[in-house]
Amino acid sequence: MSDSAAAVVAKVRGALLKTPAKVGGASASRRPDGAIRVPKAAELIAEAIRRRLVQGDLKAGDALPPEVELMAEFHVSRASLREAFRILETESLIEVKRGAHGGARITLPDVDTASKSIGVLLQIRGATLKELFDARVIIEPPLINILAGVRTDQDLAELRDLIDFEAANIDDWTVFASAATEFHNLLVRMAGNVTLALIVGMLDELYLRHLKRFVSRNRPDQRELNQQTVAIHRQLVDVIAARDGASAETIWRYAMQQSRNVILAELGEDTPLAVY
């Protein structure tokens, strides 16, 4: 079966997408030479499966139907279907296993996967560690102000449990660094803004890579720095518990700026973000 004919593309649109002709990133586009580029059948299949995933028709762990069923549903050849699978695999949206018990199963990209992609782009464009810190200082403190107004008793309990874990691991530099980064993430997630929480999560994954470099220096004052971190985390949670958003924002901005100054003084402001 030939997938190059316009009729096949039309069938794929109708049978798979069941939506208007313009479909997100798989819609027809104009090339630099002015010609119209019609998306391939594989791109349309991948777009349709993405759409079903984001709309909730498919969930993480769901198995896609066997290839022969998908080929019949989509009116495409096995080659086009497998090309669509390869597109979705590169996006971490499916996992394909070969063999008698194989097949395609839905997966979801995690923050680490997203942060690597963003990190590579930032590294290519020459972003610095200073710019990463500046972005975090701009985003996080206002969210802590919001958190003070919406926090629950369960939120406070989780935050205090994490601080206790930090205190218990104050002499394990690597474990402490990971716990302190998770404290940042937890604060932002609890504030309730999904978009900013995801952005902060990606930035913190990149930040943690450099933080581990910082703690690997085994500074003589590292334990003292960790103790200061625990103390300010406790102070912050007490202010959040009192629903004093303005003070919470001020404390957190100060804490982040202090951390920024110490780490940049050690690693250098012009240190390029490095994923690889």
C-alpha atoms as a PDB file:
ATOM      1  CA  MET A   1       0.000   0.000   0.000  1.00  0.00           C
ATOM      2  CA  SER A   2       1.413   3.416  -0.941  1.00  0.00           C
ATOM      3  CA  ASP A   3       1.286   6.087   1.759  1.00  0.00           C
ATOM      4  CA  SER A   4       2.431   8.909  -0.497  1.00  0.00           C
ATOM      5  CA  ALA A   5      -0.871   9.516  -2.214  1.00  0.00           C
ATOM      6  CA  ALA A   6      -3.054  12.367  -1.039  1.00  0.00           C
ATOM      7  CA  ALA A   7      -5.936   9.957  -0.704  1.00  0.00           C
ATOM      8  CA  VAL A   8      -4.116   8.025   2.006  1.00  0.00           C
ATOM      9  CA  VAL A   9      -3.395  11.218   3.925  1.00  0.00           C
ATOM     10  CA  ALA A  10      -7.076  12.093   3.751  1.00  0.00           C
ATOM     11  CA  LYS A  11      -8.025   8.646   5.037  1.00  0.00           C
ATOM     12  CA  VAL A  12      -5.615   8.958   7.921  1.00  0.00           C
ATOM     13  CA  ARG A  13      -7.068  12.333   8.849  1.00  0.00           C
ATOM     14  CA  GLY A  14     -10.578  11.009   8.774  1.00  0.00           C
ATOM     15  CA  ALA A  15     -10.072   7.616  10.369  1.00  0.00           C
ATOM     16  CA  LEU A  16      -7.483   8.558  12.966  1.00  0.00           C
ATOM     17  CA  LEU A  17      -7.911  12.129  13.972  1.00  0.00           C
ATOM     18  CA  LYS A  18     -11.653  12.602  13.562  1.00  0.00           C
ATOM     19  CA  THR A  19     -10.922  16.310  13.957  1.00  0.00           C
ATOM     20  CA  PRO A  20     -10.643  19.291  11.581  1.00  0.00           C
ATOM     21  CA  ALA A  21      -7.883  19.124   8.969  1.00  0.00           C
ATOM     22  CA  LYS A  22      -5.485  21.381  10.897  1.00  0.00           C
ATOM     23  CA  VAL A  23      -3.974  19.252  13.651  1.00  0.00           C
ATOM     24  CA  GLY A  24      -1.363  20.886  15.891  1.00  0.00           C
ATOM     25  CA  GLY A  25       2.214  20.280  14.789  1.00  0.00           C
ATOM     26  CA  ALA A  26       1.111  17.850  12.090  1.00  0.00           C
ATOM     27  CA  SER A  27      -0.830  20.402  10.027  1.00  0.00           C
ATOM     28  CA  ALA A  28       0.226  21.333   6.529  1.00  0.00           C
ATOM     29  CA  SER A  29       2.985  23.953   6.478  1.00  0.00           C
ATOM     30  CA  ARG A  30       4.677  26.176   3.913  1.00  0.00           C
ATOM     31  CA  ARG A  31       8.291  25.374   3.117  1.00  0.00           C
ATOM     32  CA  PRO A  32      10.929  28.109   2.627  1.00  0.00           C
ATOM     33  CA  ASP A  33      10.605  27.702  -1.147  1.00  0.00           C
ATOM     34  CA  GLY A  34       6.879  28.486  -0.909  1.00  0.00           C
ATOM     35  CA  ALA A  35       5.663  24.943  -1.529  1.00  0.00           C
ATOM     36  CA  ILE A  36       3.086  23.402   0.785  1.00  0.00           C
ATOM     37  CA  ARG A  37       4.396  20.484   2.814  1.00  0.00           C
ATOM     38  CA  VAL A  38       1.745  17.864   3.531  1.00  0.00           C
ATOM     39  CA  PRO A  39       2.466  15.900   6.714  1.00  0.00           C
ATOM     40  CA  LYS A  40       3.310  12.238   6.270  1.00  0.00           C
ATOM     41  CA  ALA A  41       0.944   9.548   7.460  1.00  0.00           C
ATOM     42  CA  ALA A  42       3.322   8.674  10.329  1.00  0.00           C
ATOM     43  CA  GLU A  43       3.223  12.262  11.618  1.00  0.00           C
ATOM     44  CA  LEU A  44      -0.564  12.237  11.567  1.00  0.00           C
ATOM     45  CA  ILE A  45      -0.697   8.936  13.434  1.00  0.00           C
ATOM     46  CA  ALA A  46       1.718  10.250  16.078  1.00  0.00           C
ATOM     47  CA  GLU A  47      -0.344  13.439  16.415  1.00  0.00           C
ATOM     48  CA  ALA A  48      -3.543  11.449  16.851  1.00  0.00           C
ATOM     49  CA  ILE A  49      -2.054   9.288  19.606  1.00  0.00           C
ATOM     50  CA  ARG A  50      -0.700  12.390  21.370  1.00  0.00           C
ATOM     51  CA  ARG A  51      -4.164  13.923  21.204  1.00  0.00           C
ATOM     52  CA  ARG A  52      -5.765  10.824  22.724  1.00  0.00           C
ATOM     53  CA  LEU A  53      -3.173  10.869  25.493  1.00  0.00           C
ATOM     54  CA  VAL A  54      -3.621  14.516  26.488  1.00  0.00           C
ATOM     55  CA  GLN A  55      -7.412  14.197  26.309  1.00  0.00           C
ATOM     56  CA  GLY A  56      -7.317  11.271  28.731  1.00  0.00           C
ATOM     57  CA  ASP A  57      -8.440   8.545  26.330  1.00  0.00           C
ATOM     58  CA  LEU A  58      -5.045   6.888  26.812  1.00  0.00           C
ATOM     59  CA  LYS A  59      -3.199   6.748  30.136  1.00  0.00           C
ATOM     60  CA  ALA A  60       0.271   5.766  31.282  1.00  0.00           C
ATOM     61  CA  GLY A  61       0.607   1.988  31.174  1.00  0.00           C
ATOM     62  CA  ASP A  62      -2.137   1.433  28.591  1.00  0.00           C
ATOM     63  CA  ALA A  63      -1.196  -0.941  25.793  1.00  0.00           C
ATOM     64  CA  LEU A  64      -1.920   0.163  22.256  1.00  0.00           C
ATOM     65  CA  PRO A  65      -3.801  -2.338  20.068  1.00  0.00           C
ATOM     66  CA  PRO A  66      -1.746  -4.811  17.973  1.00  0.00           C
ATOM     67  CA  GLU A  67      -0.107  -3.461  14.845  1.00  0.00           C
ATOM     68  CA  VAL A  68      -2.547  -5.185  12.487  1.00  0.00           C
ATOM     69  CA  GLU A  69      -5.485  -3.479  14.204  1.00  0.00           C
ATOM     70  CA  LEU A  70      -3.809  -0.079  14.130  1.00  0.00           C
ATOM     71  CA  MET A  71      -2.886  -0.516  10.461  1.00  0.00           C
ATOM     72  CA  ALA A  72      -6.531  -1.245   9.633  1.00  0.00           C
ATOM     73  CA  GLU A  73      -7.817   1.630  11.758  1.00  0.00           C
ATOM     74  CA  PHE A  74      -5.346   4.146  10.364  1.00  0.00           C
ATOM     75  CA  HIS A  75      -5.365   2.839   6.759  1.00  0.00           C
ATOM     76  CA  VAL A  76      -1.566   2.751   6.636  1.00  0.00           C
ATOM     77  CA  SER A  77       1.246   0.280   6.040  1.00  0.00           C
ATOM     78  CA  ARG A  78       3.314  -1.330   8.774  1.00  0.00           C
ATOM     79  CA  ALA A  79       6.252   0.894   7.785  1.00  0.00           C
ATOM     80  CA  SER A  80       4.251   4.077   8.401  1.00  0.00           C
ATOM     81  CA  LEU A  81       2.916   2.780  11.708  1.00  0.00           C
ATOM     82  CA  ARG A  82       6.385   1.890  12.935  1.00  0.00           C
ATOM     83  CA  GLU A  83       7.691   5.277  11.862  1.00  0.00           C
ATOM     84  CA  ALA A  84       4.945   6.844  13.991  1.00  0.00           C
ATOM     85  CA  PHE A  85       6.041   4.650  16.893  1.00  0.00           C
ATOM     86  CA  ARG A  86       9.622   5.861  16.494  1.00  0.00           C
ATOM     87  CA  ILE A  87       8.439   9.485  16.626  1.00  0.00           C
ATOM     88  CA  LEU A  88       6.526   8.833  19.853  1.00  0.00           C
ATOM     89  CA  GLU A  89       9.414   6.857  21.365  1.00  0.00           C
ATOM     90  CA  THR A  90      11.770   9.812  20.888  1.00  0.00           C
ATOM     91  CA  GLU A  91       9.232  11.935  22.784  1.00  0.00           C
ATOM     92  CA  SER A  92       9.085   9.345  25.627  1.00  0.00           C
ATOM     93  CA  LEU A  93       5.338   8.904  25.021  1.00  0.00           C
ATOM     94  CA  ILE A  94       5.434   5.187  24.249  1.00  0.00           C
ATOM     95  CA  GLU A  95       7.687   2.243  24.932  1.00  0.00           C
ATOM     96  CA  VAL A  96       7.884  -0.475  22.283  1.00  0.00           C
ATOM     97  CA  LYS A  97       8.922  -4.016  23.151  1.00  0.00           C
ATOM     98  CA  ARG A  98       9.697  -6.563  20.483  1.00  0.00           C
ATOM     99  CA  GLY A  99       8.873 -10.263  20.477  1.00  0.00           C
ATOM    100  CA  ALA A 100       5.852 -12.476  21.051  1.00  0.00           C
ATOM    101  CA  HIS A 101       4.727 -10.533  24.116  1.00  0.00           C
ATOM    102  CA  GLY A 102       5.802  -7.159  22.808  1.00  0.00           C
ATOM    103  CA  GLY A 103       3.873  -4.143  21.599  1.00  0.00           C
ATOM    104  CA  ALA A 104       3.556  -0.443  22.264  1.00  0.00           C
ATOM    105  CA  ARG A 105       2.632   0.847  25.696  1.00  0.00           C
ATOM    106  CA  ILE A 106       1.910   4.420  26.773  1.00  0.00           C
ATOM    107  CA  THR A 107       4.505   6.137  28.982  1.00  0.00           C
ATOM    108  CA  LEU A 108       4.785   9.680  30.266  1.00  0.00           C
ATOM    109  CA  PRO A 109       7.922  11.837  30.099  1.00  0.00           C
ATOM    110  CA  ASP A 110       9.173  12.825  33.541  1.00  0.00           C
ATOM    111  CA  VAL A 111      10.732  16.070  34.709  1.00  0.00           C
ATOM    112  CA  ASP A 112      14.236  14.651  34.331  1.00  0.00           C
ATOM    113  CA  THR A 113      13.605  13.848  30.662  1.00  0.00           C
ATOM    114  CA  ALA A 114      12.222  17.339  30.050  1.00  0.00           C
ATOM    115  CA  SER A 115      15.054  19.004  31.950  1.00  0.00           C
ATOM    116  CA  LYS A 116      17.644  17.182  29.842  1.00  0.00           C
ATOM    117  CA  SER A 117      16.023  18.467  26.662  1.00  0.00           C
ATOM    118  CA  ILE A 118      15.815  22.009  28.032  1.00  0.00           C
ATOM    119  CA  GLY A 119      19.311  21.696  29.444  1.00  0.00           C
ATOM    120  CA  VAL A 120      20.787  20.692  26.091  1.00  0.00           C
ATOM    121  CA  LEU A 121      19.115  23.683  24.439  1.00  0.00           C
ATOM    122  CA  LEU A 122      20.338  26.049  27.172  1.00  0.00           C
ATOM    123  CA  GLN A 123      23.833  24.599  26.930  1.00  0.00           C
ATOM    124  CA  ILE A 124      23.886  25.052  23.141  1.00  0.00           C
ATOM    125  CA  ARG A 125      22.770  28.674  23.561  1.00  0.00           C
ATOM    126  CA  GLY A 126      25.429  29.405  26.157  1.00  0.00           C
ATOM    127  CA  ALA A 127      23.259  29.902  29.240  1.00  0.00           C
ATOM    128  CA  THR A 128      25.188  30.356  32.476  1.00  0.00           C
ATOM    129  CA  LEU A 129      24.731  29.151  36.034  1.00  0.00           C
ATOM    130  CA  LYS A 130      24.124  32.769  37.082  1.00  0.00           C
ATOM    131  CA  GLU A 131      21.205  33.002  34.656  1.00  0.00           C
ATOM    132  CA  LEU A 132      19.749  29.805  36.090  1.00  0.00           C
ATOM    133  CA  PHE A 133      19.908  31.239  39.626  1.00  0.00           C
ATOM    134  CA  ASP A 134      18.414  34.532  38.477  1.00  0.00           C
ATOM    135  CA  ALA A 135      15.474  32.715  36.865  1.00  0.00           C
ATOM    136  CA  ARG A 136      14.787  30.743  40.047  1.00  0.00           C
ATOM    137  CA  VAL A 137      14.933  33.877  42.224  1.00  0.00           C
ATOM    138  CA  ILE A 138      12.397  35.575  39.943  1.00  0.00           C
ATOM    139  CA  ILE A 139       9.960  32.640  39.888  1.00  0.00           C
ATOM    140  CA  GLU A 140      10.004  31.030  43.331  1.00  0.00           C
ATOM    141  CA  PRO A 141       9.521  33.729  46.037  1.00  0.00           C
ATOM    142  CA  PRO A 142       6.130  34.997  44.757  1.00  0.00           C
ATOM    143  CA  LEU A 143       4.881  31.405  44.717  1.00  0.00           C
ATOM    144  CA  ILE A 144       5.825  31.046  48.380  1.00  0.00           C
ATOM    145  CA  ASN A 145       3.661  34.090  49.089  1.00  0.00           C
ATOM    146  CA  ILE A 146       0.769  32.280  47.414  1.00  0.00           C
ATOM    147  CA  LEU A 147       1.485  29.089  49.325  1.00  0.00           C
ATOM    148  CA  ALA A 148       1.118  30.880  52.660  1.00  0.00           C
ATOM    149  CA  GLY A 149      -2.472  31.661  51.742  1.00  0.00           C
ATOM    150  CA  VAL A 150      -3.476  28.215  50.474  1.00  0.00           C
ATOM    151  CA  ARG A 151      -1.374  25.815  52.552  1.00  0.00           C
ATOM    152  CA  THR A 152      -3.035  22.968  54.441  1.00  0.00           C
ATOM    153  CA  ASP A 153      -2.069  21.237  57.664  1.00  0.00           C
ATOM    154  CA  GLN A 154      -0.989  18.273  55.547  1.00  0.00           C
ATOM    155  CA  ASP A 155       1.326  20.558  53.567  1.00  0.00           C
ATOM    156  CA  LEU A 156       2.954  21.777  56.773  1.00  0.00           C
ATOM    157  CA  ALA A 157       3.405  18.220  58.013  1.00  0.00           C
ATOM    158  CA  GLU A 158       5.099  17.163  54.758  1.00  0.00           C
ATOM    159  CA  LEU A 159       7.410  20.157  54.784  1.00  0.00           C
ATOM    160  CA  ARG A 160       8.409  19.579  58.405  1.00  0.00           C
ATOM    161  CA  ASP A 161       9.015  15.872  57.751  1.00  0.00           C
ATOM    162  CA  LEU A 162      11.351  16.809  54.910  1.00  0.00           C
ATOM    163  CA  ILE A 163      13.202  19.308  57.122  1.00  0.00           C
ATOM    164  CA  ASP A 164      13.629  16.578  59.742  1.00  0.00           C
ATOM    165  CA  PHE A 165      15.089  14.364  57.001  1.00  0.00           C
ATOM    166  CA  GLU A 166      17.498  17.160  56.061  1.00  0.00           C
ATOM    167  CA  ALA A 167      18.584  17.512  59.682  1.00  0.00           C
ATOM    168  CA  ALA A 168      19.100  13.759  60.010  1.00  0.00           C
ATOM    169  CA  ASN A 169      21.371  13.785  56.935  1.00  0.00           C
ATOM    170  CA  ILE A 170      23.185  17.024  57.582  1.00  0.00           C
ATOM    171  CA  ASP A 171      26.610  15.353  57.312  1.00  0.00           C
ATOM    172  CA  ASP A 172      25.859  13.535  54.052  1.00  0.00           C
ATOM    173  CA  TRP A 173      26.467  16.305  51.552  1.00  0.00           C
ATOM    174  CA  THR A 174      24.886  14.575  48.539  1.00  0.00           C
ATOM    175  CA  VAL A 175      21.758  13.348  50.320  1.00  0.00           C
ATOM    176  CA  PHE A 176      21.314  16.721  51.972  1.00  0.00           C
ATOM    177  CA  ALA A 177      21.618  18.542  48.630  1.00  0.00           C
ATOM    178  CA  SER A 178      18.954  16.323  47.065  1.00  0.00           C
ATOM    179  CA  ALA A 179      16.626  16.835  50.041  1.00  0.00           C
ATOM    180  CA  ALA A 180      17.097  20.616  49.944  1.00  0.00           C
ATOM    181  CA  THR A 181      16.284  20.646  46.224  1.00  0.00           C
ATOM    182  CA  GLU A 182      13.164  18.567  46.881  1.00  0.00           C
ATOM    183  CA  PHE A 183      12.166  21.133  49.524  1.00  0.00           C
ATOM    184  CA  HIS A 184      12.170  23.772  46.766  1.00  0.00           C
ATOM    185  CA  ASN A 185      10.083  21.557  44.499  1.00  0.00           C
ATOM    186  CA  LEU A 186       7.615  20.693  47.240  1.00  0.00           C
ATOM    187  CA  LEU A 187       7.033  24.348  48.115  1.00  0.00           C
ATOM    188  CA  VAL A 188       6.290  25.240  44.514  1.00  0.00           C
ATOM    189  CA  ARG A 189       4.037  22.239  43.869  1.00  0.00           C
ATOM    190  CA  MET A 190       2.020  23.061  46.978  1.00  0.00           C
ATOM    191  CA  ALA A 191       1.452  26.610  45.715  1.00  0.00           C
ATOM    192  CA  GLY A 192      -0.811  25.041  43.109  1.00  0.00           C
ATOM    193  CA  ASN A 193       0.428  26.521  39.828  1.00  0.00           C
ATOM    194  CA  VAL A 194       1.041  23.471  37.637  1.00  0.00           C
ATOM    195  CA  THR A 195       2.819  25.406  34.885  1.00  0.00           C
ATOM    196  CA  LEU A 196       5.312  27.133  37.172  1.00  0.00           C
ATOM    197  CA  ALA A 197       5.803  23.974  39.229  1.00  0.00           C
ATOM    198  CA  LEU A 198       6.870  22.132  36.087  1.00  0.00           C
ATOM    199  CA  ILE A 199       9.207  24.936  35.058  1.00  0.00           C
ATOM    200  CA  VAL A 200      10.782  25.081  38.521  1.00  0.00           C
ATOM    201  CA  GLY A 201      11.093  21.292  38.541  1.00  0.00           C
ATOM    202  CA  MET A 202      13.039  21.370  35.280  1.00  0.00           C
ATOM    203  CA  LEU A 203      15.259  24.194  36.497  1.00  0.00           C
ATOM    204  CA  ASP A 204      15.906  22.429  39.787  1.00  0.00           C
ATOM    205  CA  GLU A 205      16.975  19.248  37.996  1.00  0.00           C
ATOM    206  CA  LEU A 206      19.597  21.343  36.206  1.00  0.00           C
ATOM    207  CA  TYR A 207      20.457  23.178  39.426  1.00  0.00           C
ATOM    208  CA  LEU A 208      20.950  19.897  41.287  1.00  0.00           C
ATOM    209  CA  ARG A 209      23.600  18.781  38.790  1.00  0.00           C
ATOM    210  CA  HIS A 210      25.674  21.853  39.636  1.00  0.00           C
ATOM    211  CA  LEU A 211      24.848  21.705  43.340  1.00  0.00           C
ATOM    212  CA  LYS A 212      26.386  18.225  43.465  1.00  0.00           C
ATOM    213  CA  ARG A 213      29.533  19.691  41.940  1.00  0.00           C
ATOM    214  CA  PHE A 214      29.495  22.344  44.653  1.00  0.00           C
ATOM    215  CA  VAL A 215      29.172  19.877  47.539  1.00  0.00           C
ATOM    216  CA  SER A 216      31.787  17.592  45.998  1.00  0.00           C
ATOM    217  CA  ARG A 217      34.324  20.332  46.777  1.00  0.00           C
ATOM    218  CA  ASN A 218      34.029  19.287  50.457  1.00  0.00           C
ATOM    219  CA  ARG A 219      34.227  22.840  51.730  1.00  0.00           C
ATOM    220  CA  PRO A 220      35.258  23.065  55.398  1.00  0.00           C
ATOM    221  CA  ASP A 221      32.160  25.144  56.117  1.00  0.00           C
ATOM    222  CA  GLN A 222      29.731  22.764  54.358  1.00  0.00           C
ATOM    223  CA  ARG A 223      28.211  21.486  57.603  1.00  0.00           C
ATOM    224  CA  GLU A 224      27.681  25.046  58.776  1.00  0.00           C
ATOM    225  CA  LEU A 225      25.997  25.908  55.468  1.00  0.00           C
ATOM    226  CA  ASN A 226      23.720  22.902  55.830  1.00  0.00           C
ATOM    227  CA  GLN A 227      22.816  23.921  59.375  1.00  0.00           C
ATOM    228  CA  GLN A 228      21.924  27.405  58.148  1.00  0.00           C
ATOM    229  CA  THR A 229      19.745  25.861  55.442  1.00  0.00           C
ATOM    230  CA  VAL A 230      17.830  23.750  57.963  1.00  0.00           C
ATOM    231  CA  ALA A 231      17.336  26.771  60.234  1.00  0.00           C
ATOM    232  CA  ILE A 232      15.943  28.979  57.472  1.00  0.00           C
ATOM    233  CA  HIS A 233      13.707  26.168  56.212  1.00  0.00           C
ATOM    234  CA  ARG A 234      12.209  25.850  59.695  1.00  0.00           C
ATOM    235  CA  GLN A 235      11.757  29.623  59.917  1.00  0.00           C
ATOM    236  CA  LEU A 236      10.071  29.672  56.514  1.00  0.00           C
ATOM    237  CA  VAL A 237       7.595  26.923  57.383  1.00  0.00           C
ATOM    238  CA  ASP A 238       6.705  28.685  60.650  1.00  0.00           C
ATOM    239  CA  VAL A 239       5.874  31.854  58.686  1.00  0.00           C
ATOM    240  CA  ILE A 240       3.888  29.870  56.114  1.00  0.00           C
ATOM    241  CA  ALA A 241       1.993  28.243  58.979  1.00  0.00           C
ATOM    242  CA  ALA A 242       1.088  31.757  60.212  1.00  0.00           C
ATOM    243  CA  ARG A 243      -0.176  32.579  56.681  1.00  0.00           C
ATOM    244  CA  ASP A 244       2.184  35.555  56.483  1.00  0.00           C
ATOM    245  CA  GLY A 245       2.748  35.560  52.738  1.00  0.00           C
ATOM    246  CA  ALA A 246       4.772  38.749  52.513  1.00  0.00           C
ATOM    247  CA  SER A 247       7.258  37.588  55.145  1.00  0.00           C
ATOM    248  CA  ALA A 248       7.470  34.134  53.566  1.00  0.00           C
ATOM    249  CA  GLU A 249       8.321  35.698  50.205  1.00  0.00           C
ATOM    250  CA  THR A 250      10.966  37.932  51.774  1.00  0.00           C
ATOM    251  CA  ILE A 251      12.584  35.082  53.711  1.00  0.00           C
ATOM    252  CA  TRP A 252      12.688  32.813  50.677  1.00  0.00           C
ATOM    253  CA  ARG A 253      14.126  35.470  48.386  1.00  0.00           C
ATOM    254  CA  TYR A 254      16.843  36.184  50.941  1.00  0.00           C
ATOM    255  CA  ALA A 255      17.606  32.469  51.337  1.00  0.00           C
ATOM    256  CA  MET A 256      17.856  31.923  47.592  1.00  0.00           C
ATOM    257  CA  GLN A 257      20.060  34.972  47.101  1.00  0.00           C
ATOM    258  CA  GLN A 258      22.412  33.833  49.868  1.00  0.00           C
ATOM    259  CA  SER A 259      22.650  30.370  48.331  1.00  0.00           C
ATOM    260  CA  ARG A 260      23.180  31.941  44.921  1.00  0.00           C
ATOM    261  CA  ASN A 261      26.045  34.100  46.179  1.00  0.00           C
ATOM    262  CA  VAL A 262      27.858  31.242  47.918  1.00  0.00           C
ATOM    263  CA  ILE A 263      27.586  28.765  45.051  1.00  0.00           C
ATOM    264  CA  LEU A 264      28.464  31.270  42.324  1.00  0.00           C
ATOM    265  CA  ALA A 265      31.475  32.429  44.324  1.00  0.00           C
ATOM    266  CA  GLU A 266      32.665  28.808  44.386  1.00  0.00           C
ATOM    267  CA  LEU A 267      31.785  27.709  40.842  1.00  0.00           C
ATOM    268  CA  GLY A 268      31.925  31.035  39.000  1.00  0.00           C
ATOM    269  CA  GLU A 269      29.168  33.267  37.626  1.00  0.00           C
ATOM    270  CA  ASP A 270      30.102  32.510  34.026  1.00  0.00           C
ATOM    271  CA  THR A 271      29.989  28.743  34.509  1.00  0.00           C
ATOM    272  CA  PRO A 272      28.053  27.403  31.513  1.00  0.00           C
ATOM    273  CA  LEU A 273      25.098  25.157  32.211  1.00  0.00           C
ATOM    274  CA  ALA A 274      26.352  21.662  31.486  1.00  0.00           C
ATOM    275  CA  VAL A 275      24.152  18.646  30.899  1.00  0.00           C
ATOM    276  CA  TYR A 276      26.868  16.707  29.066  1.00  0.00           C
END
